[in-house]
Amino acid sequence: MVIPESAKKFMDHKPVIAFATCDQQGIPNVAPMLQYWWYNENTLVIGDFFMKMTRKNIEQNPMASFCCWDSQTQEAYKFSGPARYTTQGPEYDMANNNMRQKKPDKNYKGVVIMTITHVYDMKSGPTAGNLISG
């Protein structure tokens, strides 16, 4: 799947994302995330310093979603797809290398690796909720 360039460019400005997961019973959890990077064309990696419920939910139920928006321009996107949690591998190494540029003495406990399968327009108006890609 190809993520629209407008959505990727928007995320380059590092807005806080609202990252949503659910446990096996369908009870939702939403947490703000700021430490994330594109690993490749459709994979987002999120660094974990303090995740508790998010990590537990992903280990029980791999489906996740996140939304990002700009309240001034009203631009907004929702991304969804499967996620997994890991404490090693190239995605983990990439996230730690990026973090060490800001904080050389820090390491993530792990990372969430999310494969984006769907992107939706969430801008207020008649196209809100429309599938853009996926």
N, C-alpha and C. Protein backbone atom coordinates (compact mmCIF):
# COMPACT_ATOMS: atom_id res chain seq x y z
N MET A 1 0.83 -1.18 0.00
CA MET A 1 0.00 0.00 0.00
C MET A 1 0.88 1.24 0.00
N VAL A 2 0.48 2.23 -0.75
CA VAL A 2 1.23 3.48 -0.80
C VAL A 2 0.48 4.53 0.02
N ILE A 3 1.15 5.09 0.99
CA ILE A 3 0.56 6.14 1.80
C ILE A 3 0.63 7.44 1.01
N PRO A 4 -0.46 8.17 0.92
CA PRO A 4 -0.45 9.43 0.17
C PRO A 4 0.66 10.36 0.66
N GLU A 5 1.32 11.00 -0.28
CA GLU A 5 2.43 11.89 0.06
C GLU A 5 2.00 13.01 1.00
N SER A 6 0.78 13.51 0.83
CA SER A 6 0.30 14.59 1.70
C SER A 6 0.24 14.14 3.15
N ALA A 7 -0.15 12.90 3.39
CA ALA A 7 -0.23 12.38 4.76
C ALA A 7 1.16 12.18 5.35
N LYS A 8 2.08 11.63 4.57
CA LYS A 8 3.45 11.45 5.08
C LYS A 8 4.12 12.79 5.34
N LYS A 9 3.93 13.74 4.43
CA LYS A 9 4.52 15.06 4.59
C LYS A 9 3.98 15.74 5.85
N PHE A 10 2.68 15.59 6.08
CA PHE A 10 2.05 16.15 7.27
C PHE A 10 2.72 15.60 8.53
N MET A 11 2.98 14.31 8.56
CA MET A 11 3.57 13.69 9.74
C MET A 11 5.04 14.05 9.92
N ASP A 12 5.69 14.54 8.88
CA ASP A 12 7.08 14.98 9.02
C ASP A 12 7.21 16.14 10.01
N HIS A 13 6.11 16.86 10.25
CA HIS A 13 6.12 17.98 11.20
C HIS A 13 5.98 17.50 12.64
N LYS A 14 5.91 16.19 12.85
CA LYS A 14 5.85 15.54 14.15
C LYS A 14 4.70 15.99 15.04
N PRO A 15 3.48 15.93 14.50
CA PRO A 15 2.36 16.21 15.42
C PRO A 15 2.24 15.07 16.42
N VAL A 16 1.70 15.36 17.57
CA VAL A 16 1.40 14.29 18.52
C VAL A 16 0.32 13.44 17.88
N ILE A 17 0.49 12.12 17.93
CA ILE A 17 -0.54 11.23 17.39
C ILE A 17 -1.31 10.60 18.54
N ALA A 18 -2.58 10.38 18.33
CA ALA A 18 -3.42 9.66 19.29
C ALA A 18 -3.43 8.21 18.83
N PHE A 19 -2.72 7.35 19.57
CA PHE A 19 -2.53 5.95 19.19
C PHE A 19 -3.53 5.08 19.94
N ALA A 20 -4.36 4.35 19.19
CA ALA A 20 -5.45 3.58 19.77
C ALA A 20 -5.23 2.07 19.61
N THR A 21 -5.49 1.36 20.70
CA THR A 21 -5.43 -0.11 20.71
C THR A 21 -6.64 -0.62 21.48
N CYS A 22 -6.91 -1.92 21.38
CA CYS A 22 -7.97 -2.55 22.16
C CYS A 22 -7.47 -3.86 22.74
N ASP A 23 -7.97 -4.22 23.90
CA ASP A 23 -7.61 -5.52 24.45
C ASP A 23 -8.49 -6.61 23.83
N GLN A 24 -8.37 -7.83 24.30
CA GLN A 24 -9.13 -8.95 23.73
C GLN A 24 -10.64 -8.78 23.90
N GLN A 25 -11.05 -8.06 24.92
CA GLN A 25 -12.49 -7.86 25.16
C GLN A 25 -13.03 -6.64 24.40
N GLY A 26 -12.16 -5.94 23.68
CA GLY A 26 -12.59 -4.77 22.92
C GLY A 26 -12.57 -3.47 23.70
N ILE A 27 -11.97 -3.48 24.89
CA ILE A 27 -11.88 -2.25 25.68
C ILE A 27 -10.76 -1.39 25.10
N PRO A 28 -11.09 -0.17 24.66
CA PRO A 28 -10.10 0.67 23.98
C PRO A 28 -9.14 1.38 24.93
N ASN A 29 -8.01 1.73 24.37
CA ASN A 29 -7.00 2.55 25.05
C ASN A 29 -6.45 3.52 24.01
N VAL A 30 -6.35 4.79 24.35
CA VAL A 30 -5.75 5.79 23.48
C VAL A 30 -4.66 6.50 24.26
N ALA A 31 -3.48 6.63 23.64
CA ALA A 31 -2.36 7.29 24.30
C ALA A 31 -1.66 8.22 23.33
N PRO A 32 -1.22 9.38 23.81
CA PRO A 32 -0.48 10.30 22.94
C PRO A 32 0.93 9.77 22.69
N MET A 33 1.40 9.90 21.46
CA MET A 33 2.75 9.45 21.09
C MET A 33 3.43 10.55 20.30
N LEU A 34 4.71 10.76 20.59
CA LEU A 34 5.48 11.75 19.85
C LEU A 34 6.77 11.18 19.28
N GLN A 35 7.23 10.07 19.82
CA GLN A 35 8.49 9.47 19.36
C GLN A 35 8.19 8.40 18.31
N TYR A 36 8.14 8.81 17.05
CA TYR A 36 7.84 7.87 15.97
C TYR A 36 8.58 8.28 14.71
N TRP A 37 8.81 7.27 13.84
CA TRP A 37 9.53 7.48 12.59
C TRP A 37 8.99 6.52 11.53
N TRP A 38 9.03 6.96 10.28
CA TRP A 38 8.73 6.05 9.17
C TRP A 38 9.94 5.16 8.98
N TYR A 39 9.70 3.84 8.99
CA TYR A 39 10.78 2.89 8.76
C TYR A 39 10.93 2.62 7.27
N ASN A 40 9.81 2.49 6.61
CA ASN A 40 9.79 2.33 5.15
C ASN A 40 8.48 2.91 4.63
N GLU A 41 8.15 2.59 3.42
CA GLU A 41 7.00 3.22 2.76
C GLU A 41 5.68 3.10 3.53
N ASN A 42 5.47 2.01 4.25
CA ASN A 42 4.19 1.84 4.94
C ASN A 42 4.33 1.32 6.37
N THR A 43 5.49 1.54 6.99
CA THR A 43 5.72 1.06 8.34
C THR A 43 6.13 2.20 9.26
N LEU A 44 5.37 2.37 10.33
CA LEU A 44 5.67 3.37 11.34
C LEU A 44 6.23 2.67 12.57
N VAL A 45 7.28 3.23 13.15
CA VAL A 45 7.89 2.68 14.36
C VAL A 45 7.71 3.71 15.47
N ILE A 46 7.18 3.25 16.61
CA ILE A 46 6.93 4.12 17.75
C ILE A 46 7.79 3.65 18.92
N GLY A 47 8.58 4.56 19.48
CA GLY A 47 9.45 4.21 20.60
C GLY A 47 8.68 4.11 21.91
N ASP A 48 9.11 3.16 22.75
CA ASP A 48 8.46 2.92 24.04
C ASP A 48 9.40 3.24 25.20
N PHE A 49 9.06 4.30 25.93
CA PHE A 49 9.69 4.56 27.22
C PHE A 49 8.77 4.15 28.36
N PHE A 50 7.45 4.38 28.20
CA PHE A 50 6.52 4.23 29.32
C PHE A 50 5.26 3.42 29.00
N MET A 51 5.20 2.73 27.89
CA MET A 51 3.98 2.02 27.52
C MET A 51 3.66 0.91 28.52
N LYS A 52 2.40 0.87 28.90
CA LYS A 52 1.91 -0.23 29.73
C LYS A 52 0.72 -0.88 29.01
N MET A 53 -0.41 -0.17 29.00
CA MET A 53 -1.62 -0.71 28.39
C MET A 53 -1.45 -0.88 26.88
N THR A 54 -0.79 0.08 26.23
CA THR A 54 -0.58 -0.02 24.78
C THR A 54 0.16 -1.30 24.45
N ARG A 55 1.25 -1.57 25.15
CA ARG A 55 2.03 -2.78 24.89
C ARG A 55 1.19 -4.04 25.16
N LYS A 56 0.51 -4.06 26.29
CA LYS A 56 -0.31 -5.22 26.65
C LYS A 56 -1.38 -5.47 25.59
N ASN A 57 -2.05 -4.40 25.14
CA ASN A 57 -3.10 -4.55 24.14
C ASN A 57 -2.55 -5.09 22.83
N ILE A 58 -1.43 -4.57 22.36
CA ILE A 58 -0.85 -5.04 21.09
C ILE A 58 -0.46 -6.51 21.19
N GLU A 59 0.02 -6.92 22.34
CA GLU A 59 0.37 -8.34 22.51
C GLU A 59 -0.86 -9.23 22.49
N GLN A 60 -2.04 -8.69 22.87
CA GLN A 60 -3.29 -9.46 22.87
C GLN A 60 -4.05 -9.33 21.55
N ASN A 61 -3.99 -8.15 20.95
CA ASN A 61 -4.80 -7.83 19.77
C ASN A 61 -3.96 -6.93 18.87
N PRO A 62 -3.50 -7.43 17.74
CA PRO A 62 -2.54 -6.66 16.94
C PRO A 62 -3.10 -5.48 16.15
N MET A 63 -4.40 -5.29 16.12
CA MET A 63 -4.95 -4.18 15.34
C MET A 63 -4.82 -2.86 16.10
N ALA A 64 -4.39 -1.82 15.37
CA ALA A 64 -4.19 -0.51 15.98
C ALA A 64 -4.58 0.57 14.99
N SER A 65 -4.70 1.78 15.51
CA SER A 65 -5.04 2.93 14.69
C SER A 65 -4.46 4.16 15.35
N PHE A 66 -4.20 5.18 14.54
CA PHE A 66 -3.83 6.46 15.12
C PHE A 66 -4.34 7.58 14.25
N CYS A 67 -4.50 8.71 14.89
CA CYS A 67 -5.00 9.89 14.21
C CYS A 67 -4.05 11.05 14.51
N CYS A 68 -3.87 11.91 13.52
CA CYS A 68 -3.08 13.12 13.72
C CYS A 68 -3.80 14.26 13.03
N TRP A 69 -3.63 15.47 13.56
CA TRP A 69 -4.38 16.60 13.04
C TRP A 69 -3.66 17.91 13.33
N ASP A 70 -4.06 18.92 12.60
CA ASP A 70 -3.60 20.28 12.81
C ASP A 70 -4.84 21.13 13.03
N SER A 71 -5.01 21.65 14.24
CA SER A 71 -6.23 22.39 14.56
C SER A 71 -6.34 23.72 13.82
N GLN A 72 -5.23 24.24 13.32
CA GLN A 72 -5.29 25.51 12.58
C GLN A 72 -5.73 25.29 11.13
N THR A 73 -5.16 24.29 10.47
CA THR A 73 -5.50 24.06 9.06
C THR A 73 -6.65 23.08 8.90
N GLN A 74 -7.00 22.38 9.97
CA GLN A 74 -8.04 21.35 9.97
C GLN A 74 -7.62 20.09 9.22
N GLU A 75 -6.37 20.02 8.75
CA GLU A 75 -5.88 18.80 8.09
C GLU A 75 -5.82 17.69 9.13
N ALA A 76 -6.32 16.49 8.77
CA ALA A 76 -6.35 15.38 9.71
C ALA A 76 -6.40 14.06 8.96
N TYR A 77 -5.73 13.05 9.54
CA TYR A 77 -5.67 11.72 8.93
C TYR A 77 -5.83 10.66 10.01
N LYS A 78 -6.40 9.53 9.61
CA LYS A 78 -6.45 8.34 10.46
C LYS A 78 -5.76 7.21 9.70
N PHE A 79 -4.88 6.50 10.40
CA PHE A 79 -4.14 5.38 9.84
C PHE A 79 -4.52 4.13 10.63
N SER A 80 -4.62 2.99 9.97
CA SER A 80 -4.90 1.76 10.70
C SER A 80 -4.16 0.59 10.08
N GLY A 81 -4.00 -0.47 10.89
CA GLY A 81 -3.32 -1.67 10.44
C GLY A 81 -2.81 -2.49 11.61
N PRO A 82 -2.18 -3.62 11.31
CA PRO A 82 -1.66 -4.47 12.37
C PRO A 82 -0.37 -3.89 12.96
N ALA A 83 -0.17 -4.18 14.25
CA ALA A 83 1.02 -3.72 14.95
C ALA A 83 1.60 -4.88 15.76
N ARG A 84 2.88 -4.77 16.03
CA ARG A 84 3.54 -5.75 16.91
C ARG A 84 4.54 -5.01 17.77
N TYR A 85 4.90 -5.63 18.88
CA TYR A 85 5.85 -5.05 19.82
C TYR A 85 7.12 -5.88 19.80
N THR A 86 8.27 -5.22 19.79
CA THR A 86 9.52 -5.95 19.83
C THR A 86 10.57 -5.18 20.61
N THR A 87 11.57 -5.89 21.08
CA THR A 87 12.68 -5.30 21.82
C THR A 87 14.01 -5.49 21.10
N GLN A 88 13.93 -5.87 19.85
CA GLN A 88 15.17 -6.07 19.07
C GLN A 88 14.84 -6.01 17.59
N GLY A 89 15.88 -5.95 16.78
CA GLY A 89 15.70 -5.96 15.34
C GLY A 89 16.01 -4.61 14.72
N PRO A 90 15.95 -4.54 13.39
CA PRO A 90 16.36 -3.31 12.69
C PRO A 90 15.47 -2.10 12.99
N GLU A 91 14.18 -2.33 13.22
CA GLU A 91 13.28 -1.22 13.54
C GLU A 91 13.62 -0.65 14.92
N TYR A 92 13.88 -1.54 15.87
CA TYR A 92 14.28 -1.13 17.22
C TYR A 92 15.60 -0.35 17.17
N ASP A 93 16.55 -0.87 16.41
CA ASP A 93 17.85 -0.19 16.27
C ASP A 93 17.69 1.19 15.65
N MET A 94 16.87 1.30 14.63
CA MET A 94 16.64 2.58 13.97
C MET A 94 16.05 3.60 14.95
N ALA A 95 15.05 3.19 15.73
CA ALA A 95 14.43 4.09 16.69
C ALA A 95 15.43 4.54 17.75
N ASN A 96 16.22 3.61 18.26
CA ASN A 96 17.23 3.98 19.27
C ASN A 96 18.28 4.91 18.69
N ASN A 97 18.71 4.67 17.46
CA ASN A 97 19.69 5.56 16.84
C ASN A 97 19.12 6.97 16.69
N ASN A 98 17.86 7.08 16.31
CA ASN A 98 17.23 8.40 16.21
C ASN A 98 17.12 9.07 17.58
N MET A 99 16.76 8.29 18.60
CA MET A 99 16.64 8.86 19.94
C MET A 99 17.99 9.34 20.46
N ARG A 100 19.03 8.59 20.19
CA ARG A 100 20.36 8.94 20.71
C ARG A 100 20.89 10.25 20.12
N GLN A 101 20.33 10.69 19.01
CA GLN A 101 20.73 12.00 18.47
C GLN A 101 20.28 13.12 19.40
N LYS A 102 19.18 12.90 20.13
CA LYS A 102 18.68 13.90 21.07
C LYS A 102 19.14 13.62 22.50
N LYS A 103 19.13 12.33 22.85
CA LYS A 103 19.46 11.92 24.22
C LYS A 103 20.40 10.71 24.16
N PRO A 104 21.71 10.97 24.08
CA PRO A 104 22.68 9.89 23.87
C PRO A 104 22.68 8.79 24.92
N ASP A 105 22.18 9.06 26.12
CA ASP A 105 22.23 8.08 27.19
C ASP A 105 20.94 7.28 27.36
N LYS A 106 19.99 7.44 26.44
CA LYS A 106 18.69 6.76 26.56
C LYS A 106 18.55 5.62 25.56
N ASN A 107 17.77 4.60 25.96
CA ASN A 107 17.38 3.50 25.09
C ASN A 107 15.91 3.23 25.31
N TYR A 108 15.23 2.86 24.24
CA TYR A 108 13.83 2.45 24.37
C TYR A 108 13.75 1.06 25.00
N LYS A 109 12.67 0.83 25.75
CA LYS A 109 12.40 -0.52 26.26
C LYS A 109 12.05 -1.45 25.10
N GLY A 110 11.41 -0.88 24.09
CA GLY A 110 10.99 -1.62 22.91
C GLY A 110 10.37 -0.66 21.93
N VAL A 111 9.79 -1.19 20.87
CA VAL A 111 9.11 -0.37 19.88
C VAL A 111 7.84 -1.06 19.40
N VAL A 112 6.88 -0.26 18.98
CA VAL A 112 5.71 -0.76 18.28
C VAL A 112 6.00 -0.59 16.79
N ILE A 113 5.79 -1.64 16.04
CA ILE A 113 5.97 -1.61 14.59
C ILE A 113 4.59 -1.78 13.98
N MET A 114 4.14 -0.74 13.29
CA MET A 114 2.79 -0.77 12.72
C MET A 114 2.87 -0.72 11.20
N THR A 115 2.23 -1.68 10.57
CA THR A 115 2.12 -1.70 9.11
C THR A 115 0.81 -1.02 8.74
N ILE A 116 0.92 0.08 8.01
CA ILE A 116 -0.26 0.85 7.63
C ILE A 116 -0.96 0.16 6.47
N THR A 117 -2.23 -0.17 6.66
CA THR A 117 -3.01 -0.82 5.60
C THR A 117 -4.13 0.07 5.07
N HIS A 118 -4.51 1.09 5.85
CA HIS A 118 -5.58 2.00 5.44
C HIS A 118 -5.28 3.41 5.93
N VAL A 119 -5.59 4.39 5.09
CA VAL A 119 -5.47 5.80 5.46
C VAL A 119 -6.80 6.47 5.13
N TYR A 120 -7.31 7.25 6.09
CA TYR A 120 -8.59 7.93 5.93
C TYR A 120 -8.41 9.44 6.07
N ASP A 121 -9.23 10.18 5.34
CA ASP A 121 -9.30 11.63 5.48
C ASP A 121 -10.15 11.91 6.71
N MET A 122 -9.64 12.68 7.64
CA MET A 122 -10.40 13.01 8.84
C MET A 122 -10.67 14.50 8.96
N LYS A 123 -10.37 15.23 7.88
CA LYS A 123 -10.63 16.67 7.88
C LYS A 123 -12.13 16.90 7.97
N SER A 124 -12.51 17.86 8.79
CA SER A 124 -13.92 18.19 8.95
C SER A 124 -14.53 18.59 7.60
N GLY A 125 -15.67 18.03 7.31
CA GLY A 125 -16.35 18.36 6.07
C GLY A 125 -16.89 17.13 5.37
N PRO A 126 -17.31 17.28 4.12
CA PRO A 126 -17.98 16.19 3.41
C PRO A 126 -17.09 14.97 3.12
N THR A 127 -15.76 15.12 3.16
CA THR A 127 -14.88 13.98 2.88
C THR A 127 -14.41 13.29 4.17
N ALA A 128 -14.84 13.77 5.32
CA ALA A 128 -14.42 13.18 6.59
C ALA A 128 -14.77 11.69 6.64
N GLY A 129 -13.80 10.89 6.96
CA GLY A 129 -14.00 9.45 7.05
C GLY A 129 -13.81 8.70 5.76
N ASN A 130 -13.58 9.41 4.66
CA ASN A 130 -13.38 8.73 3.38
C ASN A 130 -12.03 8.02 3.35
N LEU A 131 -12.03 6.83 2.78
CA LEU A 131 -10.80 6.07 2.59
C LEU A 131 -9.97 6.77 1.51
N ILE A 132 -8.71 7.07 1.84
CA ILE A 132 -7.80 7.70 0.88
C ILE A 132 -6.96 6.63 0.20
N SER A 133 -6.52 5.65 0.98
CA SER A 133 -5.66 4.60 0.45
C SER A 133 -5.83 3.35 1.26
N GLY A 134 -5.80 2.21 0.59
CA GLY A 134 -5.89 0.94 1.29
C GLY A 134 -6.90 0.00 0.70
